[in-house]
Amino acid sequence: MTRQPSVTSQLSQLERTSSGKALRSTSSSPSRSVFGSPRQSRQFYAPQNDNVPPKTSLKYWRDISWPSFLVSTLLLVLSRLSHHASTEWTVNQYNHVLYRKPFAEKDTVPTWSFIVWIVASSVLVLGLEIFLIRSYSLKARIIMGFNGGLALLEGFFYTVVVTELGKIWIGEPRPDYVARCIGSHDADATFDANGVIICTEKIDSNARESFPSGHSSSNFACGVFLAAYFVWVTYYRRVNLPWRTSLRHWYSRYGMMFADAAYVLCIWPVFFACYIAGSRVVDNRHSPADITAGAVVGTLFGLLAFARLLSRDHASLSIAELDVSHSKSDQKFVFAESNSDESDGDDPSH
């Protein structure tokens, strides 16, 4: 009885055959020079087979991460229900000089303006996914665009929730508290028997919501997310772009040289967030410690939101599918090998 070759020998034969084909194709292909004509340079940096994107699992509208977005929205609404800051932090005759900054009638960056900026940033991510990415179907790009925009808004919502809870719990007076309390920052103040300042003007809870800075935390959450997204898409993401292929081969050496010096263009949202945070100190709404704490909170949730987006990426999903297919094929090989061993054991000639 003729014994069939084992699975190991079959795999070795297949590997030798594949290696031989790869060696022949490599030796037969002509060499390309980087310093040749523009057409040759394009071929060198971007081979034709590099434009084949990996498969994607984003095929259905249910792949949009709307459940987590609804949860973050619900938490945002709940955080705004109780909006009365703690009054345990008092301004007294010993520390009132820390809160005698002049009151600014107008903010350099109003609250509504940076909210519009954050919403516009989420729309920007959606537009880049649809019109800039050159891989996958239009439906898959729309789904990934919604995932990116919603991830940015989720990071913003969670940042606002933590910031608002911190403001209400801590209740630190703003640097212009005395000006709000007695009408002028340089007026003579009176104190009660416990040494606490006596306010002659009606003040609201906002006067005690200094720590941490909401402008700083919200804009750093958006800025860090956008900067990470821009760097990821421009340099590392496995998709076809106008300047490189999915395997990160550049179409032109000039584009590659420009990209080496273009990191600063990708992180401009962080600079914009720093400007907004600094304006809160100039307007006497916050102290440097307030905007620093807000920057830390915003950076944390911006990175978490971006990590959330990475879990919804095309490449990550396709790699997971590839692993499943390999595991199924391995199971088939193991099953075939076990059947061959059993048949060998039943053969009386062995």
Protein backbone atom coordinates (compact mmCIF):
# COMPACT_ATOMS: atom_id res chain seq x y z
CA MET A 1 0.00 0.00 0.00
CA THR A 2 1.41 3.37 -1.06
CA ARG A 3 1.81 5.79 1.86
CA GLN A 4 0.64 9.36 1.20
CA PRO A 5 3.09 12.19 1.99
CA SER A 6 2.55 13.87 5.33
CA VAL A 7 1.16 17.38 5.76
CA THR A 8 4.60 18.66 6.75
CA SER A 9 6.20 17.46 3.53
CA GLN A 10 3.36 18.96 1.48
CA LEU A 11 3.83 22.35 3.14
CA SER A 12 7.62 22.20 2.57
CA GLN A 13 7.09 21.44 -1.12
CA LEU A 14 4.64 24.35 -1.40
CA GLU A 15 7.10 26.71 0.29
CA ARG A 16 9.93 25.73 -2.06
CA THR A 17 7.68 26.25 -5.08
CA SER A 18 6.59 29.69 -3.88
CA SER A 19 10.18 30.73 -3.14
CA GLY A 20 11.26 29.69 -6.61
CA LYS A 21 8.52 31.69 -8.27
CA ALA A 22 9.34 34.76 -6.21
CA LEU A 23 13.04 34.46 -7.05
CA ARG A 24 12.36 34.17 -10.79
CA SER A 25 10.00 37.16 -10.75
CA THR A 26 12.55 39.24 -8.85
CA SER A 27 15.43 38.38 -11.14
CA SER A 28 13.38 39.02 -14.30
CA SER A 29 12.14 42.49 -13.22
CA PRO A 30 14.39 45.39 -14.36
CA SER A 31 16.01 47.63 -11.78
CA ARG A 32 14.64 51.14 -11.32
CA SER A 33 16.62 54.20 -10.33
CA VAL A 34 15.37 56.87 -7.98
CA PHE A 35 17.15 59.52 -10.02
CA GLY A 36 15.57 58.53 -13.34
CA SER A 37 12.69 60.14 -15.16
CA PRO A 38 9.52 61.13 -13.26
CA ARG A 39 7.73 58.08 -14.64
CA GLN A 40 10.50 55.79 -13.46
CA SER A 41 10.54 57.53 -10.06
CA ARG A 42 6.80 56.97 -9.72
CA GLN A 43 7.20 53.30 -10.52
CA PHE A 44 10.02 52.97 -8.01
CA TYR A 45 8.10 54.47 -5.11
CA ALA A 46 4.70 53.01 -5.96
CA PRO A 47 4.62 49.56 -7.60
CA GLN A 48 1.36 48.65 -9.25
CA ASN A 49 0.44 45.92 -6.78
CA ASP A 50 0.69 48.37 -3.85
CA ASN A 51 -2.64 49.92 -4.78
CA VAL A 52 -4.57 46.79 -3.87
CA PRO A 53 -6.21 47.60 -0.50
CA PRO A 54 -6.93 45.04 2.20
CA LYS A 55 -10.48 43.82 2.56
CA THR A 56 -12.84 45.64 4.88
CA SER A 57 -15.66 44.42 7.10
CA LEU A 58 -17.44 47.79 7.17
CA LYS A 59 -20.38 46.81 5.00
CA TYR A 60 -23.48 47.62 7.05
CA TRP A 61 -24.85 50.81 8.60
CA ARG A 62 -24.91 49.05 11.96
CA ASP A 63 -21.09 49.17 11.87
CA ILE A 64 -21.35 52.87 12.83
CA SER A 65 -20.45 53.23 16.52
CA TRP A 66 -23.69 54.96 17.49
CA PRO A 67 -24.34 53.06 20.80
CA SER A 68 -21.24 54.49 22.51
CA PHE A 69 -22.09 57.93 21.12
CA LEU A 70 -25.56 57.75 22.69
CA VAL A 71 -24.04 56.74 26.04
CA SER A 72 -21.66 59.72 26.00
CA THR A 73 -24.56 62.03 25.07
CA LEU A 74 -26.63 60.71 27.97
CA LEU A 75 -23.77 61.28 30.42
CA LEU A 76 -23.35 64.81 29.08
CA VAL A 77 -27.01 65.60 29.74
CA LEU A 78 -26.84 64.13 33.25
CA SER A 79 -23.75 66.17 34.09
CA ARG A 80 -25.60 69.39 33.27
CA LEU A 81 -28.60 68.68 35.51
CA SER A 82 -26.88 69.70 38.77
CA HIS A 83 -25.11 72.96 38.07
CA HIS A 84 -24.40 74.50 41.47
CA ALA A 85 -20.74 74.65 42.44
CA SER A 86 -19.60 73.96 45.98
CA THR A 87 -19.18 76.97 48.27
CA GLU A 88 -16.67 75.39 50.66
CA TRP A 89 -13.78 77.22 48.96
CA THR A 90 -14.09 80.70 50.44
CA VAL A 91 -12.52 84.05 49.60
CA ASN A 92 -11.41 85.56 52.88
CA GLN A 93 -9.21 88.30 54.26
CA TYR A 94 -6.10 86.17 53.82
CA ASN A 95 -6.43 85.04 50.19
CA HIS A 96 -8.61 87.70 48.55
CA VAL A 97 -5.59 89.24 46.81
CA LEU A 98 -5.42 86.11 44.61
CA TYR A 99 -8.88 86.82 43.19
CA ARG A 100 -8.61 90.56 42.49
CA LYS A 101 -8.11 90.38 38.73
CA PRO A 102 -10.08 92.85 36.56
CA PHE A 103 -13.31 91.56 35.08
CA ALA A 104 -13.32 91.30 31.26
CA GLU A 105 -16.66 92.12 29.66
CA LYS A 106 -16.01 89.92 26.61
CA ASP A 107 -14.12 86.67 26.17
CA THR A 108 -11.39 86.46 23.56
CA VAL A 109 -12.81 83.08 22.48
CA PRO A 110 -16.53 82.79 23.29
CA THR A 111 -17.92 79.42 24.32
CA TRP A 112 -20.17 79.12 21.27
CA SER A 113 -17.23 79.63 18.89
CA PHE A 114 -15.16 76.68 20.07
CA ILE A 115 -18.26 74.47 20.16
CA VAL A 116 -18.82 75.32 16.49
CA TRP A 117 -15.13 74.57 15.87
CA ILE A 118 -15.40 71.11 17.45
CA VAL A 119 -18.54 70.22 15.50
CA ALA A 120 -16.88 71.46 12.30
CA SER A 121 -13.85 69.27 13.09
CA SER A 122 -16.05 66.17 13.24
CA VAL A 123 -17.52 67.10 9.86
CA LEU A 124 -13.96 67.58 8.56
CA VAL A 125 -13.03 64.04 9.57
CA LEU A 126 -16.13 62.73 7.78
CA GLY A 127 -15.23 64.66 4.63
CA LEU A 128 -11.61 63.47 4.63
CA GLU A 129 -12.69 59.85 4.91
CA ILE A 130 -15.08 60.20 1.98
CA PHE A 131 -13.08 62.35 -0.45
CA LEU A 132 -9.41 61.79 0.50
CA ILE A 133 -9.21 58.03 1.07
CA ARG A 134 -8.88 56.12 -2.22
CA SER A 135 -9.51 52.64 -0.85
CA TYR A 136 -12.73 50.70 -0.33
CA SER A 137 -16.25 51.42 -1.46
CA LEU A 138 -18.08 54.69 -0.90
CA LYS A 139 -20.34 53.08 1.70
CA ALA A 140 -17.35 51.79 3.70
CA ARG A 141 -15.73 55.24 3.59
CA ILE A 142 -18.95 56.88 4.79
CA ILE A 143 -19.21 54.41 7.68
CA MET A 144 -15.60 55.00 8.69
CA GLY A 145 -16.13 58.75 8.37
CA PHE A 146 -19.07 58.63 10.76
CA ASN A 147 -17.00 56.52 13.15
CA GLY A 148 -14.25 59.15 13.09
CA GLY A 149 -16.57 62.10 13.57
CA LEU A 150 -18.52 60.40 16.34
CA ALA A 151 -15.29 59.36 18.08
CA LEU A 152 -14.17 63.00 18.17
CA LEU A 153 -17.53 64.08 19.59
CA GLU A 154 -17.42 61.26 22.15
CA GLY A 155 -14.04 62.46 23.38
CA PHE A 156 -15.43 66.00 23.62
CA PHE A 157 -18.54 64.85 25.51
CA TYR A 158 -16.60 62.76 28.04
CA THR A 159 -14.20 65.66 28.55
CA VAL A 160 -17.08 68.02 29.29
CA VAL A 161 -18.59 65.51 31.73
CA VAL A 162 -15.38 65.17 33.75
CA THR A 163 -14.69 68.92 33.59
CA GLU A 164 -18.17 69.88 34.77
CA LEU A 165 -18.07 67.38 37.63
CA GLY A 166 -14.69 68.78 38.68
CA LYS A 167 -15.97 72.35 38.61
CA ILE A 168 -19.04 71.52 40.72
CA TRP A 169 -17.14 69.35 43.19
CA ILE A 170 -14.15 71.68 43.75
CA GLY A 171 -15.84 75.07 43.43
CA GLU A 172 -12.71 77.20 43.15
CA PRO A 173 -13.42 80.94 42.71
CA ARG A 174 -12.27 82.51 39.48
CA PRO A 175 -9.40 85.04 39.47
CA ASP A 176 -11.93 87.87 38.93
CA TYR A 177 -14.17 86.75 41.80
CA VAL A 178 -13.72 89.93 43.86
CA ALA A 179 -14.68 92.12 40.88
CA ARG A 180 -17.86 90.08 40.48
CA CYS A 181 -18.52 90.09 44.22
CA ILE A 182 -18.17 93.79 45.08
CA GLY A 183 -18.34 95.41 41.63
CA SER A 184 -14.65 96.31 41.16
CA HIS A 185 -11.36 94.49 41.55
CA ASP A 186 -9.70 97.37 43.46
CA ALA A 187 -12.62 98.35 45.72
CA ASP A 188 -12.39 97.99 49.50
CA ALA A 189 -13.90 94.70 50.67
CA THR A 190 -15.67 93.95 53.92
CA PHE A 191 -15.52 90.65 55.74
CA ASP A 192 -17.83 88.90 58.18
CA ALA A 193 -16.94 87.50 61.61
CA ASN A 194 -15.40 84.40 60.01
CA GLY A 195 -13.22 86.49 57.70
CA VAL A 196 -15.23 85.63 54.54
CA ILE A 197 -15.77 88.41 52.02
CA ILE A 198 -19.26 89.96 51.93
CA CYS A 199 -20.59 90.29 48.38
CA THR A 200 -22.59 93.36 47.45
CA GLU A 201 -23.38 92.09 43.94
CA LYS A 202 -25.40 89.06 42.94
CA ILE A 203 -23.11 86.31 41.67
CA ASP A 204 -24.00 82.97 40.11
CA SER A 205 -22.41 79.53 40.24
CA ASN A 206 -20.17 80.35 37.27
CA ALA A 207 -18.01 82.56 39.51
CA ARG A 208 -16.91 79.41 41.37
CA GLU A 209 -16.16 77.20 38.38
CA SER A 210 -12.51 77.95 37.81
CA PHE A 211 -10.87 74.52 38.14
CA PRO A 212 -10.40 72.92 35.67
CA SER A 213 -10.74 75.08 32.56
CA GLY A 214 -13.51 73.91 30.23
CA HIS A 215 -12.14 75.85 27.25
CA SER A 216 -8.75 74.24 27.72
CA SER A 217 -9.96 70.67 28.26
CA SER A 218 -12.47 70.69 25.39
CA ASN A 219 -10.11 72.17 22.82
CA PHE A 220 -7.21 69.94 23.85
CA ALA A 221 -9.47 66.89 23.45
CA CYS A 222 -10.34 68.02 19.93
CA GLY A 223 -6.82 69.20 19.08
CA VAL A 224 -5.03 66.06 20.24
CA PHE A 225 -7.54 63.85 18.44
CA LEU A 226 -7.18 65.78 15.17
CA ALA A 227 -3.37 65.87 15.40
CA ALA A 228 -3.19 62.12 16.00
CA TYR A 229 -5.67 61.52 13.17
CA PHE A 230 -3.74 63.69 10.71
CA VAL A 231 -0.41 62.02 11.51
CA TRP A 232 -1.95 58.55 11.31
CA VAL A 233 -3.65 59.14 7.96
CA THR A 234 -0.72 61.00 6.41
CA TYR A 235 2.07 58.61 7.36
CA TYR A 236 0.97 55.30 8.82
CA ARG A 237 -2.53 54.23 7.80
CA ARG A 238 -2.81 51.35 5.33
CA VAL A 239 -4.94 53.10 2.71
CA ASN A 240 -4.30 54.56 -0.72
CA LEU A 241 -3.83 58.34 -0.68
CA PRO A 242 -3.01 60.90 -3.39
CA TRP A 243 0.64 60.96 -2.25
CA ARG A 244 1.31 57.31 -1.28
CA THR A 245 0.03 53.76 -1.54
CA SER A 246 -1.48 51.54 1.14
CA LEU A 247 1.97 50.01 1.76
CA ARG A 248 3.39 53.51 2.42
CA HIS A 249 5.31 53.74 -0.87
CA TRP A 250 5.51 57.35 -2.01
CA TYR A 251 4.54 58.33 -5.56
CA SER A 252 7.34 60.93 -5.71
CA ARG A 253 10.54 61.52 -3.81
CA TYR A 254 9.57 65.21 -3.57
CA GLY A 255 6.37 64.28 -1.81
CA MET A 256 8.34 62.12 0.59
CA MET A 257 10.78 64.96 1.30
CA PHE A 258 7.90 67.36 1.92
CA ALA A 259 6.21 64.85 4.25
CA ASP A 260 9.38 64.60 6.34
CA ALA A 261 9.05 68.29 7.20
CA ALA A 262 5.24 68.44 7.36
CA TYR A 263 4.66 67.10 10.86
CA VAL A 264 4.09 70.65 12.09
CA LEU A 265 1.15 70.96 9.69
CA CYS A 266 -0.46 67.91 11.27
CA ILE A 267 -0.23 69.20 14.83
CA TRP A 268 -1.62 72.70 14.20
CA PRO A 269 -4.84 71.82 16.14
CA VAL A 270 -2.71 71.46 19.29
CA PHE A 271 -1.26 74.95 18.75
CA PHE A 272 -4.79 76.28 18.32
CA ALA A 273 -5.82 74.61 21.59
CA CYS A 274 -2.85 76.24 23.34
CA TYR A 275 -3.97 79.65 22.04
CA ILE A 276 -7.50 79.16 23.37
CA ALA A 277 -6.21 77.95 26.73
CA GLY A 278 -3.86 80.94 27.00
CA SER A 279 -6.68 83.35 26.22
CA ARG A 280 -8.48 82.22 29.38
CA VAL A 281 -5.57 83.44 31.49
CA VAL A 282 -5.43 86.73 29.58
CA ASP A 283 -9.17 87.22 30.15
CA ASN A 284 -8.71 86.56 33.91
CA ARG A 285 -11.15 83.64 33.77
CA HIS A 286 -8.63 81.03 34.87
CA SER A 287 -5.23 80.64 36.46
CA PRO A 288 -2.33 78.77 34.78
CA ALA A 289 -3.05 75.78 37.03
CA ASP A 290 -6.64 75.68 35.73
CA ILE A 291 -5.70 75.53 32.06
CA THR A 292 -2.92 73.02 32.76
CA ALA A 293 -5.35 70.67 34.47
CA GLY A 294 -7.79 71.15 31.60
CA ALA A 295 -5.08 70.34 29.07
CA VAL A 296 -4.26 67.09 30.88
CA VAL A 297 -7.93 66.03 30.99
CA GLY A 298 -8.48 66.94 27.34
CA THR A 299 -5.32 65.18 26.16
CA LEU A 300 -6.31 62.01 28.00
CA PHE A 301 -9.77 61.80 26.47
CA GLY A 302 -8.52 62.89 23.06
CA LEU A 303 -6.09 59.96 23.00
CA LEU A 304 -8.74 57.57 24.29
CA ALA A 305 -11.14 58.69 21.56
CA PHE A 306 -8.46 58.19 18.91
CA ALA A 307 -7.68 54.72 20.26
CA ARG A 308 -11.41 54.06 20.02
CA LEU A 309 -11.27 55.02 16.34
CA LEU A 310 -8.32 52.71 15.67
CA SER A 311 -10.43 49.75 16.80
CA ARG A 312 -12.88 50.57 13.96
CA ASP A 313 -10.26 50.91 11.22
CA HIS A 314 -10.47 48.94 7.96
CA ALA A 315 -7.05 47.33 8.36
CA SER A 316 -7.69 46.13 11.90
CA LEU A 317 -10.92 44.44 10.87
CA SER A 318 -9.35 42.81 7.82
CA ILE A 319 -6.45 41.44 9.89
CA ALA A 320 -8.94 39.88 12.29
CA GLU A 321 -10.70 38.19 9.37
CA LEU A 322 -7.37 36.92 8.05
CA ASP A 323 -6.54 35.34 11.39
CA VAL A 324 -9.88 33.54 11.47
CA SER A 325 -9.39 32.16 7.97
CA HIS A 326 -5.91 30.91 8.85
CA SER A 327 -7.17 29.24 12.02
CA LYS A 328 -9.88 27.42 10.02
CA SER A 329 -7.35 26.22 7.44
CA ASP A 330 -5.03 25.01 10.19
CA GLN A 331 -7.88 23.04 11.70
CA LYS A 332 -8.50 21.36 8.35
CA PHE A 333 -4.81 20.35 8.05
CA VAL A 334 -4.79 18.95 11.58
CA PHE A 335 -7.99 16.99 10.92
CA ALA A 336 -6.58 15.56 7.68
CA GLU A 337 -3.35 14.56 9.41
CA SER A 338 -5.21 12.84 12.24
CA ASN A 339 -7.31 10.87 9.73
CA SER A 340 -4.22 9.71 7.89
CA ASP A 341 -2.62 8.56 11.14
CA GLU A 342 -5.72 6.60 12.07
CA SER A 343 -5.83 4.91 8.68
CA ASP A 344 -2.16 4.00 9.04
CA GLY A 345 -2.83 2.43 12.39
CA ASP A 346 -5.62 0.26 11.01
CA ASP A 347 -3.45 -1.10 8.21
CA PRO A 348 -2.35 -4.65 9.17
CA SER A 349 0.77 -4.37 7.04
CA HIS A 350 2.33 -1.83 9.49
